[in-house]
């Protein structure tokens, strides 16, 4: 578990510094554009690829914190065991979908690599910016399966279901 905690901290730190770096770079780019009419030719591509990276890393972290959109109405009003069972199935299905994203994302990467195409401004092989899609989908799948297993154990132990508190 200590390894998982360290990995979580590293993920959150990388995301925070990536977003901060992108914000600072965007500020510098905008200031240069209006002050001296200069723009970095590679900035648009870099910003797009950074956003892909941050989006998929953030989605993985969102699974950990339970911040993804979900339908809670049914689980809130069902008996505890039924709620655990529904959550088990929902997280299991989400994990399977994440595995499908890993599979098809990897196929997409391999096809991009076989084409040998490079980006126009940075001359970066086009498969590199898309590596975060299958990579962080693995992390998402692991987290979804962990949540599914946790609810399954709670279902078997007949533990009470933790309800969402509304203000």
Protein backbone atom coordinates (compact mmCIF):
# COMPACT_ATOMS: atom_id res chain seq x y z
CA UNK A 1 0.00 0.00 0.00
CA UNK A 2 2.92 2.33 0.62
CA UNK A 3 3.86 2.06 -3.07
CA UNK A 4 0.30 2.98 -4.10
CA UNK A 5 0.33 6.05 -1.83
CA UNK A 6 3.64 7.20 -3.28
CA UNK A 7 2.36 6.65 -6.80
CA UNK A 8 -0.77 8.67 -5.99
CA UNK A 9 1.36 11.56 -4.68
CA UNK A 10 3.56 11.44 -7.76
CA UNK A 11 0.51 11.49 -10.05
CA UNK A 12 -1.01 14.45 -8.25
CA UNK A 13 2.31 16.32 -8.26
CA UNK A 14 2.88 15.70 -11.96
CA UNK A 15 -0.65 16.90 -12.75
CA UNK A 16 -0.29 20.01 -10.62
CA UNK A 17 3.07 20.99 -12.10
CA UNK A 18 1.90 20.21 -15.65
CA UNK A 19 -1.13 22.46 -15.29
CA UNK A 20 0.94 25.17 -13.60
CA UNK A 21 3.60 24.98 -16.30
CA UNK A 22 0.98 25.14 -19.04
CA UNK A 23 -0.65 28.17 -17.40
CA UNK A 24 2.69 29.98 -17.05
CA UNK A 25 3.67 29.16 -20.62
CA UNK A 26 0.28 30.37 -21.87
CA UNK A 27 0.76 33.63 -19.96
CA UNK A 28 4.24 34.12 -21.44
CA UNK A 29 2.99 33.29 -24.94
CA UNK A 30 0.11 35.76 -24.63
CA UNK A 31 2.31 38.50 -23.15
CA UNK A 32 4.88 38.09 -25.93
CA UNK A 33 2.20 38.09 -28.59
CA UNK A 34 0.76 41.42 -27.45
CA UNK A 35 4.01 43.06 -26.28
CA UNK A 36 6.40 42.27 -29.13
CA UNK A 37 4.22 40.43 -31.69
CA UNK A 38 6.12 37.17 -31.24
CA UNK A 39 4.65 33.70 -30.79
CA UNK A 40 6.27 30.35 -30.28
CA UNK A 41 5.61 28.26 -33.41
CA UNK A 42 5.37 25.07 -31.37
CA UNK A 43 3.10 26.38 -28.61
CA UNK A 44 -0.28 25.34 -30.09
CA UNK A 45 0.81 21.74 -30.53
CA UNK A 46 2.47 21.63 -27.14
CA UNK A 47 -0.65 23.00 -25.44
CA UNK A 48 -2.88 20.44 -27.17
CA UNK A 49 -0.63 17.53 -26.25
CA UNK A 50 -0.29 18.78 -22.68
CA UNK A 51 -4.06 18.97 -22.38
CA UNK A 52 -4.39 15.37 -23.56
CA UNK A 53 -1.86 14.36 -20.91
CA UNK A 54 -3.56 16.36 -18.14
CA UNK A 55 -7.05 15.20 -19.11
CA UNK A 56 -6.28 11.50 -18.89
CA UNK A 57 -4.11 11.83 -15.79
CA UNK A 58 -6.85 13.93 -14.17
CA UNK A 59 -9.49 11.37 -15.13
CA UNK A 60 -7.47 8.65 -13.39
CA UNK A 61 -7.11 10.78 -10.28
CA UNK A 62 -10.83 11.58 -10.48
CA UNK A 63 -11.64 7.87 -10.12
CA UNK A 64 -9.60 7.78 -6.91
CA UNK A 65 -11.57 10.67 -5.41
CA UNK A 66 -14.94 9.61 -6.82
CA UNK A 67 -15.46 12.87 -8.69
CA UNK A 68 -16.72 11.37 -11.95
CA UNK A 69 -20.33 11.84 -12.91
CA UNK A 70 -22.53 9.06 -11.61
CA UNK A 71 -26.19 8.36 -11.05
CA UNK A 72 -26.65 8.13 -7.28
CA UNK A 73 -30.46 8.17 -7.06
CA UNK A 74 -30.88 4.42 -7.29
CA UNK A 75 -28.11 3.51 -4.86
CA UNK A 76 -29.21 6.15 -2.36
CA UNK A 77 -32.67 4.66 -1.92
CA UNK A 78 -31.94 0.94 -2.26
CA UNK A 79 -31.16 -1.30 0.69
CA UNK A 80 -27.49 -1.44 1.69
CA UNK A 81 -26.67 -4.79 0.09
CA UNK A 82 -28.40 -3.84 -3.16
CA UNK A 83 -26.50 -0.54 -3.21
CA UNK A 84 -23.19 -2.35 -2.77
CA UNK A 85 -24.11 -4.78 -5.52
CA UNK A 86 -25.07 -1.96 -7.91
CA UNK A 87 -21.84 -0.10 -7.18
CA UNK A 88 -19.87 -3.33 -7.68
CA UNK A 89 -21.42 -3.81 -11.11
CA UNK A 90 -21.06 -0.14 -12.08
CA UNK A 91 -17.37 -0.02 -11.16
CA UNK A 92 -16.75 -3.38 -12.82
CA UNK A 93 -18.35 -2.15 -16.05
CA UNK A 94 -16.35 1.09 -15.87
CA UNK A 95 -13.15 -0.92 -15.42
CA UNK A 96 -13.99 -3.06 -18.44
CA UNK A 97 -14.60 0.07 -20.53
CA UNK A 98 -11.24 1.47 -19.37
CA UNK A 99 -9.59 -1.80 -20.47
CA UNK A 100 -11.24 -1.40 -23.88
CA UNK A 101 -9.80 2.13 -24.07
CA UNK A 102 -6.37 0.65 -23.27
CA UNK A 103 -6.78 -1.94 -26.01
CA UNK A 104 -8.05 0.39 -28.74
CA UNK A 105 -5.74 3.20 -27.65
CA UNK A 106 -2.78 0.85 -28.00
CA UNK A 107 -3.97 -0.23 -31.46
CA UNK A 108 -4.24 3.44 -32.42
CA UNK A 109 -0.71 4.11 -31.12
CA UNK A 110 0.69 1.20 -33.08
CA UNK A 111 -1.01 2.35 -36.27
CA UNK A 112 0.29 5.91 -35.79
CA UNK A 113 3.78 4.53 -35.19
CA UNK A 114 3.61 2.40 -38.34
CA UNK A 115 2.64 5.44 -40.43
CA UNK A 116 5.73 7.35 -39.27
CA UNK A 117 3.86 10.66 -39.26
CA UNK A 118 5.36 13.61 -37.36
CA UNK A 119 3.69 16.72 -35.99
CA UNK A 120 4.08 19.83 -38.11
CA UNK A 121 5.65 22.25 -35.63
CA UNK A 122 7.52 20.11 -33.10
CA UNK A 123 8.43 17.24 -35.49
CA UNK A 124 7.40 14.81 -32.77
CA UNK A 125 6.30 11.31 -33.85
CA UNK A 126 2.49 11.48 -33.67
CA UNK A 127 2.12 8.39 -31.50
CA UNK A 128 3.97 10.02 -28.57
CA UNK A 129 1.28 12.59 -27.65
CA UNK A 130 -1.31 9.81 -27.49
CA UNK A 131 0.62 7.55 -25.08
CA UNK A 132 -1.26 8.99 -22.05
CA UNK A 133 -4.57 7.58 -23.32
CA UNK A 134 -3.81 3.87 -22.83
CA UNK A 135 -1.29 4.54 -20.05
CA UNK A 136 -3.65 6.40 -17.72
CA UNK A 137 -6.56 4.21 -18.74
CA UNK A 138 -4.64 1.34 -17.15
CA UNK A 139 -4.55 3.35 -13.95
CA UNK A 140 -8.26 4.13 -14.24
CA UNK A 141 -9.11 0.46 -14.80
CA UNK A 142 -7.06 -0.57 -11.78
CA UNK A 143 -8.86 1.99 -9.61
CA UNK A 144 -12.30 0.99 -10.91
CA UNK A 145 -11.58 -2.69 -10.26
CA UNK A 146 -10.31 -1.85 -6.78
CA UNK A 147 -13.52 0.06 -6.01
CA UNK A 148 -15.60 -2.78 -7.42
CA UNK A 149 -13.78 -5.31 -5.24
CA UNK A 150 -14.21 -3.07 -2.19
CA UNK A 151 -17.98 -2.86 -2.70
CA UNK A 152 -18.12 -6.61 -3.35
CA UNK A 153 -16.41 -7.28 -0.01
CA UNK A 154 -18.84 -4.91 1.71
CA UNK A 155 -21.72 -6.71 0.03
CA UNK A 156 -20.50 -10.09 1.28
CA UNK A 157 -19.87 -8.78 4.80
CA UNK A 158 -23.31 -7.10 4.85
CA UNK A 159 -21.75 -3.77 5.78
CA UNK A 160 -23.85 -0.59 5.69
CA UNK A 161 -23.69 1.49 2.52
CA UNK A 162 -22.24 4.97 2.97
CA UNK A 163 -24.84 7.43 1.71
CA UNK A 164 -23.99 10.70 -0.02
CA UNK A 165 -24.69 13.64 2.27
CA UNK A 166 -26.48 16.62 0.71
CA UNK A 167 -26.40 20.12 2.19
